[in-house]
N, C-alpha and C. Protein backbone atom coordinates (compact mmCIF):
# COMPACT_ATOMS: atom_id res chain seq x y z
N UNK A 1 9.57 -47.29 28.16
CA UNK A 1 9.59 -47.11 29.59
C UNK A 1 9.19 -45.70 29.94
N UNK A 2 8.68 -45.52 31.14
CA UNK A 2 8.31 -44.19 31.62
C UNK A 2 9.52 -43.51 32.26
N UNK A 3 9.53 -42.19 32.12
CA UNK A 3 10.57 -41.35 32.72
C UNK A 3 9.92 -40.13 33.36
N UNK A 4 10.43 -39.74 34.53
CA UNK A 4 10.03 -38.54 35.22
C UNK A 4 11.05 -37.46 34.90
N UNK A 5 10.54 -36.30 34.41
CA UNK A 5 11.38 -35.15 34.13
C UNK A 5 10.99 -34.11 35.19
N UNK A 6 11.91 -33.88 36.14
CA UNK A 6 11.69 -33.05 37.28
C UNK A 6 12.53 -31.78 37.10
N UNK A 7 11.84 -30.65 36.94
CA UNK A 7 12.53 -29.41 36.64
C UNK A 7 12.35 -28.43 37.80
N UNK A 8 13.38 -27.65 38.09
CA UNK A 8 13.34 -26.63 39.11
C UNK A 8 13.60 -25.26 38.48
N UNK A 9 12.71 -24.33 38.77
CA UNK A 9 12.78 -22.98 38.19
C UNK A 9 13.86 -22.13 38.81
N UNK A 10 14.31 -21.15 38.06
CA UNK A 10 15.13 -20.09 38.60
C UNK A 10 14.19 -19.19 39.45
N UNK A 11 14.75 -18.33 40.24
CA UNK A 11 13.95 -17.37 41.01
C UNK A 11 13.27 -16.39 40.05
N UNK A 12 12.00 -16.07 40.35
CA UNK A 12 11.22 -15.10 39.57
C UNK A 12 11.14 -15.52 38.10
N UNK A 13 10.75 -16.78 37.89
CA UNK A 13 10.67 -17.33 36.55
C UNK A 13 9.40 -17.00 35.77
N UNK A 14 8.41 -16.40 36.43
CA UNK A 14 7.11 -16.19 35.80
C UNK A 14 7.16 -15.47 34.45
N UNK A 15 7.88 -14.34 34.33
CA UNK A 15 7.95 -13.70 33.01
C UNK A 15 8.61 -14.55 31.93
N UNK A 16 9.61 -15.31 32.33
CA UNK A 16 10.28 -16.20 31.39
C UNK A 16 9.33 -17.32 30.96
N UNK A 17 8.58 -17.85 31.91
CA UNK A 17 7.60 -18.90 31.59
C UNK A 17 6.55 -18.38 30.62
N UNK A 18 6.04 -17.22 30.87
CA UNK A 18 4.97 -16.65 30.02
C UNK A 18 5.43 -16.55 28.57
N UNK A 19 6.64 -16.13 28.37
CA UNK A 19 7.14 -15.94 27.00
C UNK A 19 7.35 -17.27 26.27
N UNK A 20 7.80 -18.30 26.95
CA UNK A 20 8.12 -19.56 26.32
C UNK A 20 6.96 -20.59 26.38
N UNK A 21 5.88 -20.26 27.11
CA UNK A 21 4.82 -21.23 27.37
C UNK A 21 4.17 -21.84 26.13
N UNK A 22 3.82 -21.03 25.11
CA UNK A 22 3.19 -21.65 23.92
C UNK A 22 4.05 -22.74 23.28
N UNK A 23 5.35 -22.54 23.16
CA UNK A 23 6.22 -23.56 22.57
C UNK A 23 6.38 -24.76 23.50
N UNK A 24 6.45 -24.50 24.80
CA UNK A 24 6.53 -25.56 25.80
C UNK A 24 5.29 -26.45 25.71
N UNK A 25 4.11 -25.84 25.67
CA UNK A 25 2.86 -26.60 25.62
C UNK A 25 2.71 -27.35 24.32
N UNK A 26 3.20 -26.79 23.23
CA UNK A 26 3.12 -27.47 21.93
C UNK A 26 3.87 -28.79 21.97
N UNK A 27 5.02 -28.81 22.62
CA UNK A 27 5.80 -30.05 22.71
C UNK A 27 5.09 -31.08 23.59
N UNK A 28 4.47 -30.61 24.68
CA UNK A 28 3.73 -31.50 25.56
C UNK A 28 2.52 -32.06 24.82
N UNK A 29 1.83 -31.22 24.06
CA UNK A 29 0.68 -31.67 23.30
C UNK A 29 1.07 -32.72 22.23
N UNK A 30 2.26 -32.56 21.70
CA UNK A 30 2.74 -33.55 20.73
C UNK A 30 2.92 -34.92 21.41
N UNK A 31 3.52 -34.93 22.59
CA UNK A 31 3.65 -36.18 23.35
C UNK A 31 2.26 -36.78 23.65
N UNK A 32 1.33 -35.90 24.03
CA UNK A 32 -0.03 -36.35 24.35
C UNK A 32 -0.65 -36.99 23.11
N UNK A 33 -0.55 -36.32 21.97
CA UNK A 33 -1.14 -36.81 20.75
C UNK A 33 -0.54 -38.13 20.31
N UNK A 34 0.72 -38.39 20.69
CA UNK A 34 1.37 -39.65 20.36
C UNK A 34 1.03 -40.73 21.40
N UNK A 35 0.26 -40.38 22.44
CA UNK A 35 -0.13 -41.33 23.47
C UNK A 35 1.00 -41.65 24.47
N UNK A 36 1.98 -40.75 24.55
CA UNK A 36 3.17 -41.02 25.40
C UNK A 36 3.19 -40.19 26.67
N UNK A 37 2.31 -39.20 26.79
CA UNK A 37 2.26 -38.35 27.99
C UNK A 37 1.37 -38.92 29.05
N UNK A 38 1.92 -39.16 30.24
CA UNK A 38 1.13 -39.64 31.38
C UNK A 38 0.56 -38.47 32.19
N UNK A 39 1.41 -37.51 32.51
CA UNK A 39 0.96 -36.30 33.20
C UNK A 39 2.02 -35.22 33.06
N UNK A 40 1.58 -34.00 33.21
CA UNK A 40 2.50 -32.84 33.14
C UNK A 40 1.87 -31.67 33.86
N UNK A 41 2.71 -30.90 34.53
CA UNK A 41 2.21 -29.70 35.18
C UNK A 41 3.28 -29.04 36.02
N UNK A 42 3.00 -27.78 36.41
CA UNK A 42 3.93 -27.04 37.24
C UNK A 42 3.67 -27.22 38.71
N UNK A 43 4.67 -26.83 39.49
CA UNK A 43 4.55 -26.80 40.95
C UNK A 43 4.32 -25.35 41.39
N UNK A 44 3.09 -25.02 41.84
CA UNK A 44 2.84 -23.66 42.30
C UNK A 44 3.75 -23.28 43.49
N UNK A 45 4.18 -22.04 43.51
CA UNK A 45 5.05 -21.56 44.57
C UNK A 45 4.33 -21.38 45.89
N UNK A 46 2.99 -21.33 45.86
CA UNK A 46 2.18 -21.25 47.06
C UNK A 46 1.09 -22.32 46.98
N UNK A 47 0.46 -22.56 48.08
CA UNK A 47 -0.56 -23.61 48.18
C UNK A 47 -1.88 -23.15 47.55
N UNK A 48 -1.88 -23.09 46.20
CA UNK A 48 -3.06 -22.66 45.45
C UNK A 48 -2.94 -23.14 44.00
N UNK A 49 -4.09 -23.47 43.41
CA UNK A 49 -4.06 -23.88 42.01
C UNK A 49 -3.57 -22.76 41.09
N UNK A 50 -4.00 -21.53 41.42
CA UNK A 50 -3.55 -20.36 40.68
C UNK A 50 -2.67 -19.52 41.61
N UNK A 51 -1.34 -19.64 41.50
CA UNK A 51 -0.48 -18.93 42.43
C UNK A 51 -0.31 -17.45 42.14
N UNK A 52 -0.96 -16.96 41.06
CA UNK A 52 -0.83 -15.54 40.72
C UNK A 52 0.63 -15.15 40.52
N UNK A 53 1.00 -14.01 41.05
CA UNK A 53 2.35 -13.48 40.87
C UNK A 53 3.42 -14.27 41.62
N UNK A 54 2.99 -15.16 42.54
CA UNK A 54 3.98 -16.00 43.23
C UNK A 54 4.66 -16.96 42.24
N UNK A 55 3.90 -17.35 41.17
CA UNK A 55 4.47 -18.15 40.12
C UNK A 55 4.67 -19.61 40.51
N UNK A 56 5.70 -20.20 39.93
CA UNK A 56 5.95 -21.63 40.06
C UNK A 56 7.40 -21.89 40.45
N UNK A 57 7.61 -23.07 41.05
CA UNK A 57 8.96 -23.43 41.47
C UNK A 57 9.58 -24.52 40.57
N UNK A 58 8.78 -25.04 39.67
CA UNK A 58 9.30 -26.10 38.80
C UNK A 58 8.16 -26.81 38.11
N UNK A 59 8.50 -27.94 37.47
CA UNK A 59 7.53 -28.73 36.73
C UNK A 59 7.81 -30.20 36.87
N UNK A 60 6.80 -31.01 36.56
CA UNK A 60 6.95 -32.46 36.50
C UNK A 60 6.29 -32.95 35.20
N UNK A 61 7.02 -33.76 34.46
CA UNK A 61 6.49 -34.43 33.27
C UNK A 61 6.78 -35.90 33.46
N UNK A 62 5.78 -36.76 33.26
CA UNK A 62 5.98 -38.20 33.21
C UNK A 62 5.51 -38.62 31.84
N UNK A 63 6.43 -39.24 31.07
CA UNK A 63 6.12 -39.62 29.70
C UNK A 63 6.93 -40.87 29.32
N UNK A 64 6.49 -41.46 28.23
CA UNK A 64 7.12 -42.67 27.72
C UNK A 64 8.16 -42.31 26.65
N UNK A 65 9.36 -42.86 26.82
CA UNK A 65 10.46 -42.74 25.84
C UNK A 65 11.10 -44.09 25.68
N UNK A 66 11.81 -44.26 24.58
CA UNK A 66 12.50 -45.54 24.32
C UNK A 66 13.70 -45.77 25.23
N UNK A 67 14.28 -44.68 25.76
CA UNK A 67 15.48 -44.82 26.57
C UNK A 67 15.66 -43.58 27.44
N UNK A 68 16.52 -43.72 28.45
CA UNK A 68 16.88 -42.58 29.28
C UNK A 68 17.54 -41.49 28.44
N UNK A 69 18.38 -41.89 27.50
CA UNK A 69 19.05 -40.90 26.63
C UNK A 69 18.02 -40.12 25.79
N UNK A 70 17.00 -40.81 25.31
CA UNK A 70 15.96 -40.12 24.52
C UNK A 70 15.17 -39.15 25.41
N UNK A 71 14.84 -39.58 26.62
CA UNK A 71 14.13 -38.72 27.54
C UNK A 71 14.98 -37.49 27.90
N UNK A 72 16.26 -37.69 28.14
CA UNK A 72 17.17 -36.59 28.47
C UNK A 72 17.27 -35.63 27.29
N UNK A 73 17.38 -36.15 26.11
CA UNK A 73 17.45 -35.30 24.91
C UNK A 73 16.18 -34.47 24.75
N UNK A 74 15.03 -35.09 24.98
CA UNK A 74 13.76 -34.36 24.88
C UNK A 74 13.73 -33.25 25.92
N UNK A 75 14.15 -33.57 27.14
CA UNK A 75 14.13 -32.58 28.24
C UNK A 75 15.08 -31.42 27.92
N UNK A 76 16.23 -31.75 27.38
CA UNK A 76 17.25 -30.71 27.08
C UNK A 76 16.75 -29.74 26.02
N UNK A 77 15.82 -30.20 25.13
CA UNK A 77 15.33 -29.36 24.08
C UNK A 77 14.09 -28.57 24.45
N UNK A 78 13.67 -28.65 25.70
CA UNK A 78 12.47 -27.92 26.14
C UNK A 78 12.68 -26.43 26.00
N UNK A 79 11.68 -25.70 25.43
CA UNK A 79 11.79 -24.26 25.32
C UNK A 79 12.02 -23.56 26.65
N UNK A 80 11.55 -24.14 27.75
CA UNK A 80 11.81 -23.53 29.05
C UNK A 80 13.31 -23.59 29.40
N UNK A 81 14.00 -24.58 28.90
CA UNK A 81 15.45 -24.64 29.12
C UNK A 81 16.13 -23.51 28.39
N UNK A 82 15.83 -23.38 27.09
CA UNK A 82 16.51 -22.34 26.29
C UNK A 82 16.08 -20.91 26.73
N UNK A 83 14.91 -20.79 27.34
CA UNK A 83 14.44 -19.47 27.80
C UNK A 83 14.99 -19.12 29.19
N UNK A 84 15.68 -20.09 29.83
CA UNK A 84 16.28 -19.81 31.13
C UNK A 84 15.28 -19.99 32.28
N UNK A 85 14.16 -20.65 32.07
CA UNK A 85 13.19 -20.88 33.13
C UNK A 85 13.72 -21.86 34.18
N UNK A 86 14.34 -22.92 33.69
CA UNK A 86 14.81 -23.97 34.58
C UNK A 86 16.25 -23.80 35.01
N UNK A 87 16.46 -23.92 36.29
CA UNK A 87 17.80 -23.92 36.89
C UNK A 87 18.42 -25.32 36.83
N UNK A 88 17.56 -26.31 37.00
CA UNK A 88 18.05 -27.70 37.03
C UNK A 88 16.94 -28.62 36.49
N UNK A 89 17.32 -29.62 35.70
CA UNK A 89 16.42 -30.61 35.18
C UNK A 89 17.00 -32.01 35.48
N UNK A 90 16.20 -32.84 36.13
CA UNK A 90 16.61 -34.18 36.44
C UNK A 90 15.67 -35.15 35.71
N UNK A 91 16.27 -36.13 35.03
CA UNK A 91 15.49 -37.14 34.30
C UNK A 91 15.78 -38.50 34.94
N UNK A 92 14.69 -39.21 35.32
CA UNK A 92 14.87 -40.49 36.00
C UNK A 92 13.87 -41.50 35.43
N UNK A 93 14.25 -42.79 35.37
CA UNK A 93 13.27 -43.80 35.05
C UNK A 93 12.17 -43.76 36.10
N UNK A 94 10.95 -44.10 35.68
CA UNK A 94 9.79 -44.05 36.55
C UNK A 94 8.94 -45.32 36.36
N UNK A 95 8.56 -45.93 37.44
CA UNK A 95 7.71 -47.13 37.37
C UNK A 95 6.35 -46.78 37.99
N UNK A 96 5.34 -46.77 37.13
CA UNK A 96 3.99 -46.46 37.62
C UNK A 96 3.45 -47.71 38.32
N UNK A 97 2.97 -47.52 39.54
CA UNK A 97 2.37 -48.59 40.31
C UNK A 97 0.87 -48.39 40.46
N UNK A 98 0.44 -47.16 40.79
CA UNK A 98 -0.99 -46.87 40.97
C UNK A 98 -1.33 -45.57 40.29
N UNK A 99 -2.48 -45.30 39.91
CA UNK A 99 -3.59 -46.23 39.77
C UNK A 99 -3.38 -47.08 38.50
């Protein structure tokens, strides 16, 4: 089943993100290589693809897991969590309708 992992950043998270980004991306690439990643990306803090120093307010990952518990466990182990980037992470079942 698909799950949405919705993360909200702490204030001024950009330096924390930069430090943990390689490990964060490695885990996402692993999901992609397994054919389980539907989409992933950050929420810019301003209305621009490259928010510069404004940074990001959070992230969204939609991926396939065997259970909600497995999705939660994966989210809990995100390097952004251990680096203090995320203030809150919500994991919910997701049903893709379109496209």
